[in-house]
All heavy atoms as atom14 arrays in JSON, in Angstrom:
{
  "sequence": "QDGVTLYLLQTVDQMLLSATKERIDFLPHYDTLVKSGMYEYYA",
  "atom14_mask": [
    [1, 1, 1, 1, 1, 1, 1, 1, 1, 0, 0, 0, 0, 0],
    [1, 1, 1, 1, 1, 1, 1, 1, 0, 0, 0, 0, 0, 0],
    [1, 1, 1, 1, 0, 0, 0, 0, 0, 0, 0, 0, 0, 0],
    [1, 1, 1, 1, 1, 1, 1, 0, 0, 0, 0, 0, 0, 0],
    [1, 1, 1, 1, 1, 1, 1, 0, 0, 0, 0, 0, 0, 0],
    [1, 1, 1, 1, 1, 1, 1, 1, 0, 0, 0, 0, 0, 0],
    [1, 1, 1, 1, 1, 1, 1, 1, 1, 1, 1, 1, 0, 0],
    [1, 1, 1, 1, 1, 1, 1, 1, 0, 0, 0, 0, 0, 0],
    [1, 1, 1, 1, 1, 1, 1, 1, 0, 0, 0, 0, 0, 0],
    [1, 1, 1, 1, 1, 1, 1, 1, 1, 0, 0, 0, 0, 0],
    [1, 1, 1, 1, 1, 1, 1, 0, 0, 0, 0, 0, 0, 0],
    [1, 1, 1, 1, 1, 1, 1, 0, 0, 0, 0, 0, 0, 0],
    [1, 1, 1, 1, 1, 1, 1, 1, 0, 0, 0, 0, 0, 0],
    [1, 1, 1, 1, 1, 1, 1, 1, 1, 0, 0, 0, 0, 0],
    [1, 1, 1, 1, 1, 1, 1, 1, 0, 0, 0, 0, 0, 0],
    [1, 1, 1, 1, 1, 1, 1, 1, 0, 0, 0, 0, 0, 0],
    [1, 1, 1, 1, 1, 1, 1, 1, 0, 0, 0, 0, 0, 0],
    [1, 1, 1, 1, 1, 1, 0, 0, 0, 0, 0, 0, 0, 0],
    [1, 1, 1, 1, 1, 0, 0, 0, 0, 0, 0, 0, 0, 0],
    [1, 1, 1, 1, 1, 1, 1, 0, 0, 0, 0, 0, 0, 0],
    [1, 1, 1, 1, 1, 1, 1, 1, 1, 0, 0, 0, 0, 0],
    [1, 1, 1, 1, 1, 1, 1, 1, 1, 0, 0, 0, 0, 0],
    [1, 1, 1, 1, 1, 1, 1, 1, 1, 1, 1, 0, 0, 0],
    [1, 1, 1, 1, 1, 1, 1, 1, 0, 0, 0, 0, 0, 0],
    [1, 1, 1, 1, 1, 1, 1, 1, 0, 0, 0, 0, 0, 0],
    [1, 1, 1, 1, 1, 1, 1, 1, 1, 1, 1, 0, 0, 0],
    [1, 1, 1, 1, 1, 1, 1, 1, 0, 0, 0, 0, 0, 0],
    [1, 1, 1, 1, 1, 1, 1, 0, 0, 0, 0, 0, 0, 0],
    [1, 1, 1, 1, 1, 1, 1, 1, 1, 1, 0, 0, 0, 0],
    [1, 1, 1, 1, 1, 1, 1, 1, 1, 1, 1, 1, 0, 0],
    [1, 1, 1, 1, 1, 1, 1, 1, 0, 0, 0, 0, 0, 0],
    [1, 1, 1, 1, 1, 1, 1, 0, 0, 0, 0, 0, 0, 0],
    [1, 1, 1, 1, 1, 1, 1, 1, 0, 0, 0, 0, 0, 0],
    [1, 1, 1, 1, 1, 1, 1, 0, 0, 0, 0, 0, 0, 0],
    [1, 1, 1, 1, 1, 1, 1, 1, 1, 0, 0, 0, 0, 0],
    [1, 1, 1, 1, 1, 1, 0, 0, 0, 0, 0, 0, 0, 0],
    [1, 1, 1, 1, 0, 0, 0, 0, 0, 0, 0, 0, 0, 0],
    [1, 1, 1, 1, 1, 1, 1, 1, 0, 0, 0, 0, 0, 0],
    [1, 1, 1, 1, 1, 1, 1, 1, 1, 1, 1, 1, 0, 0],
    [1, 1, 1, 1, 1, 1, 1, 1, 1, 0, 0, 0, 0, 0],
    [1, 1, 1, 1, 1, 1, 1, 1, 1, 1, 1, 1, 0, 0],
    [1, 1, 1, 1, 1, 1, 1, 1, 1, 1, 1, 1, 0, 0],
    [1, 1, 1, 1, 1, 0, 0, 0, 0, 0, 0, 0, 0, 0]
  ],
  "atom14_positions": [
    [[4.17, -0.51, -14.27], [4.57, -1.86, -13.9], [3.34, -2.64, -13.45], [2.27, -2.07, -13.23], [5.61, -1.82, -12.76], [6.86, -1.02, -13.11], [7.77, -0.82, -11.9], [7.53, -1.37, -10.83], [8.81, -0.02, -12.08], [0.0, 0.0, 0.0], [0.0, 0.0, 0.0], [0.0, 0.0, 0.0], [0.0, 0.0, 0.0], [0.0, 0.0, 0.0]],
    [[3.47, -3.94, -13.32], [2.36, -4.77, -12.88], [1.82, -4.29, -11.54], [2.6, -4.0, -10.62], [2.79, -6.24, -12.76], [3.03, -6.89, -14.11], [2.59, -6.31, -15.11], [3.65, -7.97, -14.13], [0.0, 0.0, 0.0], [0.0, 0.0, 0.0], [0.0, 0.0, 0.0], [0.0, 0.0, 0.0], [0.0, 0.0, 0.0], [0.0, 0.0, 0.0]],
    [[0.52, -4.19, -11.44], [-0.1, -3.82, -10.18], [-0.21, -2.33, -9.92], [-0.76, -1.92, -8.9], [0.0, 0.0, 0.0], [0.0, 0.0, 0.0], [0.0, 0.0, 0.0], [0.0, 0.0, 0.0], [0.0, 0.0, 0.0], [0.0, 0.0, 0.0], [0.0, 0.0, 0.0], [0.0, 0.0, 0.0], [0.0, 0.0, 0.0], [0.0, 0.0, 0.0]],
    [[0.32, -1.49, -10.82], [0.27, -0.04, -10.62], [-1.1, 0.49, -11.06], [-1.61, 0.12, -12.12], [1.38, 0.67, -11.42], [1.19, 2.17, -11.39], [2.74, 0.32, -10.84], [0.0, 0.0, 0.0], [0.0, 0.0, 0.0], [0.0, 0.0, 0.0], [0.0, 0.0, 0.0], [0.0, 0.0, 0.0], [0.0, 0.0, 0.0], [0.0, 0.0, 0.0]],
    [[-1.69, 1.34, -10.23], [-2.97, 1.97, -10.57], [-2.72, 3.24, -11.36], [-1.86, 4.05, -10.99], [-3.76, 2.31, -9.29], [-4.02, 1.1, -8.56], [-5.08, 3.0, -9.62], [0.0, 0.0, 0.0], [0.0, 0.0, 0.0], [0.0, 0.0, 0.0], [0.0, 0.0, 0.0], [0.0, 0.0, 0.0], [0.0, 0.0, 0.0], [0.0, 0.0, 0.0]],
    [[-3.45, 3.41, -12.47], [-3.29, 4.59, -13.33], [-4.61, 5.33, -13.44], [-5.69, 4.74, -13.33], [-2.81, 4.16, -14.73], [-1.49, 3.4, -14.8], [-1.22, 2.96, -16.23], [-0.34, 4.26, -14.29], [0.0, 0.0, 0.0], [0.0, 0.0, 0.0], [0.0, 0.0, 0.0], [0.0, 0.0, 0.0], [0.0, 0.0, 0.0], [0.0, 0.0, 0.0]],
    [[-4.51, 6.64, -13.65], [-5.68, 7.47, -13.89], [-5.72, 7.9, -15.35], [-4.69, 8.26, -15.92], [-5.64, 8.75, -13.04], [-5.76, 8.55, -11.55], [-5.25, 9.5, -10.67], [-6.4, 7.44, -11.01], [-5.36, 9.34, -9.3], [-6.52, 7.28, -9.65], [-6.0, 8.23, -8.79], [-6.11, 8.07, -7.43], [0.0, 0.0, 0.0], [0.0, 0.0, 0.0]],
    [[-6.9, 7.86, -15.96], [-7.13, 8.41, -17.3], [-7.93, 9.7, -17.1], [-9.09, 9.66, -16.71], [-7.91, 7.41, -18.17], [-8.27, 7.86, -19.58], [-7.01, 8.11, -20.4], [-9.14, 6.82, -20.27], [0.0, 0.0, 0.0], [0.0, 0.0, 0.0], [0.0, 0.0, 0.0], [0.0, 0.0, 0.0], [0.0, 0.0, 0.0], [0.0, 0.0, 0.0]],
    [[-7.28, 10.85, -17.38], [-7.86, 12.15, -17.04], [-7.8, 13.09, -18.24], [-7.03, 12.87, -19.18], [-7.1, 12.78, -15.87], [-6.96, 11.94, -14.59], [-5.99, 12.6, -13.64], [-8.31, 11.75, -13.94], [0.0, 0.0, 0.0], [0.0, 0.0, 0.0], [0.0, 0.0, 0.0], [0.0, 0.0, 0.0], [0.0, 0.0, 0.0], [0.0, 0.0, 0.0]],
    [[-8.59, 14.15, -18.16], [-8.52, 15.18, -19.19], [-7.29, 16.08, -18.98], [-6.68, 16.53, -19.94], [-9.8, 16.01, -19.17], [-11.03, 15.22, -19.63], [-12.31, 16.01, -19.51], [-12.51, 16.72, -18.53], [-13.18, 15.89, -20.5], [0.0, 0.0, 0.0], [0.0, 0.0, 0.0], [0.0, 0.0, 0.0], [0.0, 0.0, 0.0], [0.0, 0.0, 0.0]],
    [[-6.96, 16.34, -17.72], [-5.76, 17.1, -17.37], [-5.13, 16.47, -16.13], [-5.81, 15.74, -15.38], [-6.08, 18.58, -17.07], [-6.96, 18.65, -15.93], [-6.73, 19.24, -18.27], [0.0, 0.0, 0.0], [0.0, 0.0, 0.0], [0.0, 0.0, 0.0], [0.0, 0.0, 0.0], [0.0, 0.0, 0.0], [0.0, 0.0, 0.0], [0.0, 0.0, 0.0]],
    [[-3.86, 16.77, -15.9], [-3.16, 16.17, -14.77], [-3.8, 16.56, -13.44], [-3.86, 15.75, -12.5], [-1.67, 16.6, -14.78], [-0.97, 16.17, -13.5], [-0.96, 16.01, -15.98], [0.0, 0.0, 0.0], [0.0, 0.0, 0.0], [0.0, 0.0, 0.0], [0.0, 0.0, 0.0], [0.0, 0.0, 0.0], [0.0, 0.0, 0.0], [0.0, 0.0, 0.0]],
    [[-4.3, 17.78, -13.34], [-4.86, 18.26, -12.07], [-6.38, 18.17, -12.02], [-7.02, 18.82, -11.2], [-4.41, 19.7, -11.8], [-4.82, 20.65, -12.93], [-5.37, 20.18, -13.94], [-4.57, 21.86, -12.79], [0.0, 0.0, 0.0], [0.0, 0.0, 0.0], [0.0, 0.0, 0.0], [0.0, 0.0, 0.0], [0.0, 0.0, 0.0], [0.0, 0.0, 0.0]],
    [[-6.98, 17.35, -12.88], [-8.44, 17.21, -12.88], [-8.94, 16.63, -11.57], [-8.31, 15.73, -10.98], [-8.87, 16.29, -14.03], [-10.37, 16.0, -14.07], [-10.72, 14.96, -15.12], [-9.98, 14.77, -16.08], [-11.83, 14.27, -14.94], [0.0, 0.0, 0.0], [0.0, 0.0, 0.0], [0.0, 0.0, 0.0], [0.0, 0.0, 0.0], [0.0, 0.0, 0.0]],
    [[-10.05, 17.13, -11.07], [-10.67, 16.6, -9.86], [-11.21, 15.2, -10.15], [-11.84, 14.97, -11.17], [-11.82, 17.51, -9.41], [-12.42, 17.12, -8.09], [-11.43, 17.66, -6.68], [-11.69, 19.43, -6.74], [0.0, 0.0, 0.0], [0.0, 0.0, 0.0], [0.0, 0.0, 0.0], [0.0, 0.0, 0.0], [0.0, 0.0, 0.0], [0.0, 0.0, 0.0]],
    [[-10.93, 14.25, -9.26], [-11.45, 12.9, -9.44], [-12.97, 12.9, -9.26], [-13.5, 13.5, -8.34], [-10.81, 11.94, -8.45], [-9.3, 11.72, -8.59], [-8.8, 10.73, -7.53], [-8.94, 11.23, -9.98], [0.0, 0.0, 0.0], [0.0, 0.0, 0.0], [0.0, 0.0, 0.0], [0.0, 0.0, 0.0], [0.0, 0.0, 0.0], [0.0, 0.0, 0.0]],
    [[-13.65, 12.17, -10.14], [-15.11, 12.13, -10.09], [-15.62, 11.15, -9.05], [-16.76, 11.24, -8.6], [-15.67, 11.77, -11.47], [-15.31, 12.75, -12.6], [-15.9, 12.26, -13.91], [-15.84, 14.14, -12.26], [0.0, 0.0, 0.0], [0.0, 0.0, 0.0], [0.0, 0.0, 0.0], [0.0, 0.0, 0.0], [0.0, 0.0, 0.0], [0.0, 0.0, 0.0]],
    [[-14.8, 10.19, -8.67], [-15.21, 9.21, -7.66], [-13.97, 8.67, -6.98], [-12.85, 8.83, -7.46], [-16.01, 8.07, -8.29], [-15.22, 7.37, -9.24], [0.0, 0.0, 0.0], [0.0, 0.0, 0.0], [0.0, 0.0, 0.0], [0.0, 0.0, 0.0], [0.0, 0.0, 0.0], [0.0, 0.0, 0.0], [0.0, 0.0, 0.0], [0.0, 0.0, 0.0]],
    [[-14.16, 8.0, -5.85], [-13.04, 7.43, -5.11], [-12.49, 6.22, -5.86], [-13.21, 5.49, -6.54], [-13.49, 7.02, -3.72], [0.0, 0.0, 0.0], [0.0, 0.0, 0.0], [0.0, 0.0, 0.0], [0.0, 0.0, 0.0], [0.0, 0.0, 0.0], [0.0, 0.0, 0.0], [0.0, 0.0, 0.0], [0.0, 0.0, 0.0], [0.0, 0.0, 0.0]],
    [[-11.2, 6.01, -5.75], [-10.57, 4.83, -6.35], [-10.02, 3.95, -5.24], [-9.72, 4.42, -4.14], [-9.4, 5.23, -7.28], [-8.4, 5.9, -6.51], [-9.89, 6.16, -8.38], [0.0, 0.0, 0.0], [0.0, 0.0, 0.0], [0.0, 0.0, 0.0], [0.0, 0.0, 0.0], [0.0, 0.0, 0.0], [0.0, 0.0, 0.0], [0.0, 0.0, 0.0]],
    [[-9.89, 2.66, -5.53], [-9.38, 1.71, -4.55], [-8.18, 0.98, -5.14], [-8.14, 0.68, -6.32], [-10.45, 0.68, -4.16], [-11.55, 1.25, -3.28], [-12.47, 0.15, -2.78], [-13.53, 0.7, -1.83], [-14.4, -0.39, -1.3], [0.0, 0.0, 0.0], [0.0, 0.0, 0.0], [0.0, 0.0, 0.0], [0.0, 0.0, 0.0], [0.0, 0.0, 0.0]],
    [[-7.2, 0.7, -4.27], [-6.0, 0.0, -4.7], [-5.6, -0.98, -3.61], [-5.49, -0.62, -2.45], [-4.87, 1.0, -4.94], [-3.57, 0.37, -5.42], [-2.51, 1.43, -5.7], [-2.72, 2.6, -5.32], [-1.47, 1.09, -6.27], [0.0, 0.0, 0.0], [0.0, 0.0, 0.0], [0.0, 0.0, 0.0], [0.0, 0.0, 0.0], [0.0, 0.0, 0.0]],
    [[-5.42, -2.25, -3.98], [-5.01, -3.26, -3.01], [-3.49, -3.33, -2.98], [-2.84, -3.32, -4.03], [-5.58, -4.63, -3.38], [-5.26, -5.7, -2.35], [-5.94, -7.02, -2.68], [-5.6, -8.04, -1.71], [-6.21, -8.23, -0.56], [-7.21, -7.44, -0.23], [-5.83, -9.18, 0.27], [0.0, 0.0, 0.0], [0.0, 0.0, 0.0], [0.0, 0.0, 0.0]],
    [[-2.92, -3.4, -1.77], [-1.48, -3.46, -1.6], [-1.09, -4.9, -1.28], [-1.61, -5.49, -0.33], [-1.02, -2.54, -0.45], [-1.5, -1.1, -0.69], [0.49, -2.58, -0.29], [-1.34, -0.21, 0.51], [0.0, 0.0, 0.0], [0.0, 0.0, 0.0], [0.0, 0.0, 0.0], [0.0, 0.0, 0.0], [0.0, 0.0, 0.0], [0.0, 0.0, 0.0]],
    [[-0.2, -5.46, -2.07], [0.31, -6.81, -1.82], [1.82, -6.74, -1.6], [2.53, -6.09, -2.36], [0.02, -7.73, -3.02], [-1.48, -7.98, -3.19], [-2.12, -8.41, -2.23], [-1.98, -7.74, -4.31], [0.0, 0.0, 0.0], [0.0, 0.0, 0.0], [0.0, 0.0, 0.0], [0.0, 0.0, 0.0], [0.0, 0.0, 0.0], [0.0, 0.0, 0.0]],
    [[2.29, -7.4, -0.56], [3.72, -7.44, -0.32], [4.06, -8.7, 0.46], [3.22, -9.26, 1.17], [4.2, -6.19, 0.44], [3.59, -6.02, 1.81], [4.18, -6.57, 2.93], [2.42, -5.29, 1.97], [3.62, -6.41, 4.19], [1.85, -5.12, 3.22], [2.46, -5.68, 4.34], [0.0, 0.0, 0.0], [0.0, 0.0, 0.0], [0.0, 0.0, 0.0]],
    [[5.3, -9.17, 0.3], [5.79, -10.32, 1.03], [6.43, -9.84, 2.32], [7.42, -9.11, 2.28], [6.82, -11.08, 0.18], [7.4, -12.36, 0.81], [6.3, -13.4, 0.96], [8.53, -12.9, -0.07], [0.0, 0.0, 0.0], [0.0, 0.0, 0.0], [0.0, 0.0, 0.0], [0.0, 0.0, 0.0], [0.0, 0.0, 0.0], [0.0, 0.0, 0.0]],
    [[5.89, -10.22, 3.47], [6.45, -9.71, 4.74], [7.89, -10.14, 4.93], [8.3, -11.21, 4.51], [5.54, -10.35, 5.81], [4.29, -10.71, 5.08], [4.71, -11.06, 3.69], [0.0, 0.0, 0.0], [0.0, 0.0, 0.0], [0.0, 0.0, 0.0], [0.0, 0.0, 0.0], [0.0, 0.0, 0.0], [0.0, 0.0, 0.0], [0.0, 0.0, 0.0]],
    [[8.67, -9.27, 5.57], [10.04, -9.6, 5.92], [10.03, -10.65, 7.02], [9.08, -10.75, 7.79], [10.77, -8.34, 6.38], [12.26, -8.5, 6.48], [12.86, -8.98, 7.6], [13.24, -8.27, 5.57], [14.16, -9.03, 7.41], [14.42, -8.6, 6.19], [0.0, 0.0, 0.0], [0.0, 0.0, 0.0], [0.0, 0.0, 0.0], [0.0, 0.0, 0.0]],
    [[11.09, -11.44, 7.11], [11.12, -12.5, 8.12], [10.99, -11.96, 9.53], [10.54, -12.66, 10.44], [12.4, -13.33, 7.99], [13.68, -12.53, 8.13], [14.19, -12.17, 9.38], [14.39, -12.14, 7.01], [15.34, -11.45, 9.51], [15.57, -11.41, 7.13], [16.04, -11.07, 8.38], [17.2, -10.35, 8.49], [0.0, 0.0, 0.0], [0.0, 0.0, 0.0]],
    [[11.4, -10.71, 9.76], [11.27, -10.14, 11.1], [9.81, -10.1, 11.55], [9.53, -10.08, 12.76], [11.85, -8.72, 11.14], [13.35, -8.74, 11.43], [13.87, -9.82, 11.75], [13.98, -7.68, 11.32], [0.0, 0.0, 0.0], [0.0, 0.0, 0.0], [0.0, 0.0, 0.0], [0.0, 0.0, 0.0], [0.0, 0.0, 0.0], [0.0, 0.0, 0.0]],
    [[8.88, -10.06, 10.6], [7.47, -10.06, 10.96], [7.15, -11.31, 11.77], [6.36, -11.28, 12.72], [6.6, -10.03, 9.7], [6.97, -8.9, 8.91], [5.13, -9.93, 10.05], [0.0, 0.0, 0.0], [0.0, 0.0, 0.0], [0.0, 0.0, 0.0], [0.0, 0.0, 0.0], [0.0, 0.0, 0.0], [0.0, 0.0, 0.0], [0.0, 0.0, 0.0]],
    [[7.77, -12.43, 11.39], [7.49, -13.69, 12.07], [8.34, -13.87, 13.32], [7.85, -14.34, 14.35], [7.75, -14.85, 11.1], [6.93, -14.85, 9.82], [7.34, -16.03, 8.94], [5.45, -14.95, 10.13], [0.0, 0.0, 0.0], [0.0, 0.0, 0.0], [0.0, 0.0, 0.0], [0.0, 0.0, 0.0], [0.0, 0.0, 0.0], [0.0, 0.0, 0.0]],
    [[9.62, -13.5, 13.25], [10.53, -13.86, 14.33], [10.62, -12.8, 15.43], [11.09, -13.1, 16.53], [11.95, -14.16, 13.79], [11.9, -15.29, 12.8], [12.58, -12.93, 13.16], [0.0, 0.0, 0.0], [0.0, 0.0, 0.0], [0.0, 0.0, 0.0], [0.0, 0.0, 0.0], [0.0, 0.0, 0.0], [0.0, 0.0, 0.0], [0.0, 0.0, 0.0]],
    [[10.18, -11.57, 15.14], [10.34, -10.52, 16.15], [9.03, -9.9, 16.62], [9.01, -9.21, 17.63], [11.26, -9.42, 15.62], [12.72, -9.84, 15.55], [13.62, -8.65, 15.27], [15.09, -9.05, 15.3], [15.97, -7.9, 15.03], [0.0, 0.0, 0.0], [0.0, 0.0, 0.0], [0.0, 0.0, 0.0], [0.0, 0.0, 0.0], [0.0, 0.0, 0.0]],
    [[7.95, -10.11, 15.89], [6.71, -9.43, 16.27], [6.22, -9.85, 17.65], [5.55, -9.1, 18.34], [5.62, -9.7, 15.23], [5.85, -8.94, 14.07], [0.0, 0.0, 0.0], [0.0, 0.0, 0.0], [0.0, 0.0, 0.0], [0.0, 0.0, 0.0], [0.0, 0.0, 0.0], [0.0, 0.0, 0.0], [0.0, 0.0, 0.0], [0.0, 0.0, 0.0]],
    [[6.54, -11.08, 18.06], [6.07, -11.55, 19.36], [6.92, -11.1, 20.52], [6.61, -11.41, 21.67], [0.0, 0.0, 0.0], [0.0, 0.0, 0.0], [0.0, 0.0, 0.0], [0.0, 0.0, 0.0], [0.0, 0.0, 0.0], [0.0, 0.0, 0.0], [0.0, 0.0, 0.0], [0.0, 0.0, 0.0], [0.0, 0.0, 0.0], [0.0, 0.0, 0.0]],
    [[7.98, -10.36, 20.25], [8.91, -9.99, 21.32], [8.5, -8.7, 22.03], [9.09, -8.33, 23.05], [10.32, -9.84, 20.76], [10.91, -11.15, 20.25], [12.51, -10.92, 19.44], [13.5, -10.34, 20.82], [0.0, 0.0, 0.0], [0.0, 0.0, 0.0], [0.0, 0.0, 0.0], [0.0, 0.0, 0.0], [0.0, 0.0, 0.0], [0.0, 0.0, 0.0]],
    [[7.53, -8.01, 21.47], [7.03, -6.75, 22.04], [8.07, -5.64, 22.04], [7.76, -4.51, 22.36], [6.5, -6.95, 23.47], [5.3, -7.84, 23.54], [5.43, -9.15, 24.0], [4.06, -7.39, 23.14], [4.33, -9.99, 24.06], [2.96, -8.23, 23.18], [3.09, -9.52, 23.64], [2.02, -10.35, 23.69], [0.0, 0.0, 0.0], [0.0, 0.0, 0.0]],
    [[9.31, -5.94, 21.72], [10.38, -4.95, 21.63], [10.25, -3.91, 22.74], [10.28, -4.23, 23.91], [10.4, -4.35, 20.22], [10.78, -5.42, 19.21], [10.98, -4.88, 17.81], [10.25, -3.99, 17.4], [11.88, -5.38, 17.12], [0.0, 0.0, 0.0], [0.0, 0.0, 0.0], [0.0, 0.0, 0.0], [0.0, 0.0, 0.0], [0.0, 0.0, 0.0]],
    [[10.07, -2.63, 22.39], [10.08, -1.63, 23.46], [8.83, -1.68, 24.32], [8.76, -1.09, 25.38], [10.3, -0.23, 22.9], [9.14, 0.37, 22.16], [8.11, 1.03, 22.81], [9.08, 0.32, 20.76], [7.07, 1.61, 22.13], [8.03, 0.9, 20.07], [7.03, 1.54, 20.76], [6.01, 2.11, 20.07], [0.0, 0.0, 0.0], [0.0, 0.0, 0.0]],
    [[7.8, -2.44, 23.87], [6.57, -2.51, 24.67], [6.79, -3.26, 25.98], [5.97, -3.22, 26.88], [5.45, -3.16, 23.85], [5.05, -2.33, 22.67], [5.0, -2.88, 21.39], [4.75, -0.98, 22.82], [4.65, -2.11, 20.29], [4.4, -0.2, 21.73], [4.35, -0.77, 20.47], [4.01, 0.0, 19.39], [0.0, 0.0, 0.0], [0.0, 0.0, 0.0]],
    [[7.88, -4.04, 26.06], [8.2, -4.65, 27.35], [8.41, -3.55, 28.38], [8.09, -3.7, 29.55], [9.45, -5.51, 27.22], [0.0, 0.0, 0.0], [0.0, 0.0, 0.0], [0.0, 0.0, 0.0], [0.0, 0.0, 0.0], [0.0, 0.0, 0.0], [0.0, 0.0, 0.0], [0.0, 0.0, 0.0], [0.0, 0.0, 0.0], [0.0, 0.0, 0.0]]
  ]
}
């Protein structure tokens, strides 16, 4: 699917020759805005 990172390898269990990087993008849930400032149990 769009945004999925894939490996091209000789075998499934081949050792990676170098580190790979993948950026994660997501739309935050509304609770991120309306509840994050409440400190919840941190009160």
